Amino acid sequence: MILKTKFVERKDLKRINNWLVGWKLNKLPLGMYPTTGLILYNEEDGEEIYSGFVFMSNSQMAQVGFITRNPYYKKKIKPNVRKEFIVWLVDYAKELGYKHIISWAENKFLVGDFKDLGFSETSNSVSELIL
């Protein structure tokens, strides 16, 4: 397996949104996705494995989020690939000029990855609210 990343394009969003359906989650309005995101794929077969996004701000802080694994990717994924992808997203945010990175995650595996990478958990009693 040879892992590579590519930038998310608008044409990718419907497919990425369908990954949520594959996980029995609700689709998001396409306007919620930023244009700054990455797709992790296996260069050997071109199949996409993960997508994730960097939400930019007018401060020195960006959010890394909406990290989703392709539920239709059936090949075995090496351990730590998700964590490696988070590092690539953080590096991408830093390349965009951001100094501080924040993320919200409820998936215990993602939370563990972020903690392993040095992120601090600031609260365990936060609700995600969207309008």
Protein backbone atom coordinates (compact mmCIF):
# COMPACT_ATOMS: atom_id res chain seq x y z
CA MET A 1 0.00 0.00 0.00
CA ILE A 2 1.41 3.38 -1.05
CA LEU A 3 -0.41 6.22 0.70
CA LYS A 4 -0.75 9.63 -0.93
CA THR A 5 -2.93 12.67 -0.37
CA LYS A 6 -4.68 14.92 -2.82
CA PHE A 7 -6.68 18.10 -2.34
CA VAL A 8 -10.45 17.80 -2.08
CA GLU A 9 -12.28 19.31 -5.02
CA ARG A 10 -15.94 20.38 -5.06
CA LYS A 11 -16.74 17.39 -7.29
CA ASP A 12 -15.58 15.06 -4.46
CA LEU A 13 -18.06 16.34 -1.88
CA LYS A 14 -21.10 14.30 -2.96
CA ARG A 15 -19.04 11.11 -2.89
CA ILE A 16 -17.58 11.97 0.53
CA ASN A 17 -21.07 12.80 1.78
CA ASN A 18 -22.22 9.38 0.61
CA TRP A 19 -19.60 7.85 2.89
CA LEU A 20 -21.67 9.18 5.79
CA VAL A 21 -24.67 7.30 4.43
CA GLY A 22 -22.48 4.19 4.27
CA TRP A 23 -21.91 4.63 8.01
CA LYS A 24 -25.68 5.09 8.55
CA LEU A 25 -25.20 8.77 9.35
CA ASN A 26 -27.00 11.78 7.91
CA LYS A 27 -25.63 13.59 4.90
CA LEU A 28 -24.46 17.15 5.53
CA PRO A 29 -25.48 20.14 3.44
CA LEU A 30 -22.67 20.43 0.88
CA GLY A 31 -22.18 24.08 1.86
CA MET A 32 -20.88 22.95 5.26
CA TYR A 33 -17.74 21.50 3.69
CA PRO A 34 -14.84 23.90 3.18
CA THR A 35 -12.76 23.86 0.02
CA THR A 36 -9.65 23.09 2.07
CA GLY A 37 -9.49 19.37 2.57
CA LEU A 38 -7.45 16.30 1.81
CA ILE A 39 -8.24 12.82 0.58
CA LEU A 40 -5.95 9.95 1.54
CA TYR A 41 -5.78 7.28 -1.14
CA ASN A 42 -3.89 4.13 -2.02
CA GLU A 43 -1.75 5.02 -5.03
CA GLU A 44 -1.52 1.37 -6.08
CA ASP A 45 -5.23 1.13 -6.93
CA GLY A 46 -6.39 4.77 -6.68
CA GLU A 47 -8.97 3.90 -4.04
CA GLU A 48 -9.78 6.59 -1.49
CA ILE A 49 -9.50 5.69 2.18
CA TYR A 50 -10.05 8.85 4.28
CA SER A 51 -11.15 12.42 3.82
CA GLY A 52 -10.69 15.33 6.21
CA PHE A 53 -10.95 19.09 6.19
CA VAL A 54 -9.28 22.23 7.48
CA PHE A 55 -11.74 24.94 8.45
CA MET A 56 -9.95 28.28 8.17
CA SER A 57 -10.56 31.33 10.33
CA ASN A 58 -9.48 34.95 10.52
CA SER A 59 -7.33 34.17 13.56
CA GLN A 60 -4.27 31.96 13.95
CA MET A 61 -6.53 28.99 14.70
CA ALA A 62 -7.96 26.46 12.25
CA GLN A 63 -10.18 23.46 12.87
CA VAL A 64 -9.28 20.02 11.56
CA GLY A 65 -12.39 17.91 11.23
CA PHE A 66 -15.01 15.94 9.35
CA ILE A 67 -12.50 13.08 9.21
CA THR A 68 -14.30 10.18 7.58
CA ARG A 69 -13.16 6.75 6.44
CA ASN A 70 -14.55 5.38 3.21
CA PRO A 71 -16.89 2.59 4.38
CA TYR A 72 -16.67 0.95 0.96
CA TYR A 73 -12.89 0.51 1.14
CA LYS A 74 -12.60 -3.17 2.00
CA LYS A 75 -8.84 -3.75 2.01
CA LYS A 76 -6.98 -4.04 5.30
CA ILE A 77 -5.66 -0.69 6.48
CA LYS A 78 -2.35 -0.65 8.33
CA PRO A 79 -2.38 0.45 11.98
CA ASN A 80 -1.77 4.17 12.53
CA VAL A 81 -2.91 5.20 9.03
CA ARG A 82 -5.70 7.33 10.50
CA LYS A 83 -3.22 9.00 12.87
CA GLU A 84 -0.81 9.62 9.99
CA PHE A 85 -3.65 11.23 8.04
CA ILE A 86 -4.40 13.55 10.98
CA VAL A 87 -0.73 14.61 10.93
CA TRP A 88 -1.04 15.41 7.22
CA LEU A 89 -4.15 17.51 7.91
CA VAL A 90 -2.37 19.38 10.72
CA ASP A 91 0.65 19.97 8.47
CA TYR A 92 -1.69 21.25 5.75
CA ALA A 93 -3.25 23.70 8.23
CA LYS A 94 0.22 24.89 9.22
CA GLU A 95 1.17 25.33 5.55
CA LEU A 96 -1.92 27.55 5.26
CA GLY A 97 -0.41 29.72 8.01
CA TYR A 98 -2.25 28.51 11.10
CA LYS A 99 -0.45 28.20 14.41
CA HIS A 100 -3.21 26.71 16.58
CA ILE A 101 -5.24 23.65 15.61
CA ILE A 102 -8.49 22.59 17.23
CA SER A 103 -10.76 19.63 16.57
CA TRP A 104 -14.00 18.13 17.80
CA ALA A 105 -14.37 14.36 17.80
CA GLU A 106 -16.71 11.91 19.45
CA ASN A 107 -15.26 8.77 17.91
CA LYS A 108 -13.13 7.24 20.67
CA PHE A 109 -10.47 6.12 18.17
CA LEU A 110 -10.14 9.62 16.70
CA VAL A 111 -10.04 11.13 20.19
CA GLY A 112 -7.27 8.69 21.10
CA ASP A 113 -5.33 9.56 17.95
CA PHE A 114 -5.55 13.28 18.67
CA LYS A 115 -4.40 12.74 22.26
CA ASP A 116 -1.50 10.55 21.07
CA LEU A 117 -0.48 13.41 18.78
CA GLY A 118 -0.31 15.87 21.69
CA PHE A 119 -3.76 17.46 21.53
CA SER A 120 -5.21 18.35 24.92
CA GLU A 121 -8.77 17.48 25.82
CA THR A 122 -10.33 20.65 27.17
CA SER A 123 -13.74 19.27 28.10
CA ASN A 124 -15.70 16.06 28.03
CA SER A 125 -19.07 17.72 28.42
CA VAL A 126 -19.44 19.70 25.20
CA SER A 127 -22.42 19.42 22.89
CA GLU A 128 -22.14 19.89 19.15
CA LEU A 129 -24.85 22.29 18.03
CA ILE A 130 -25.59 23.12 14.39
CA LEU A 131 -28.12 25.51 12.85
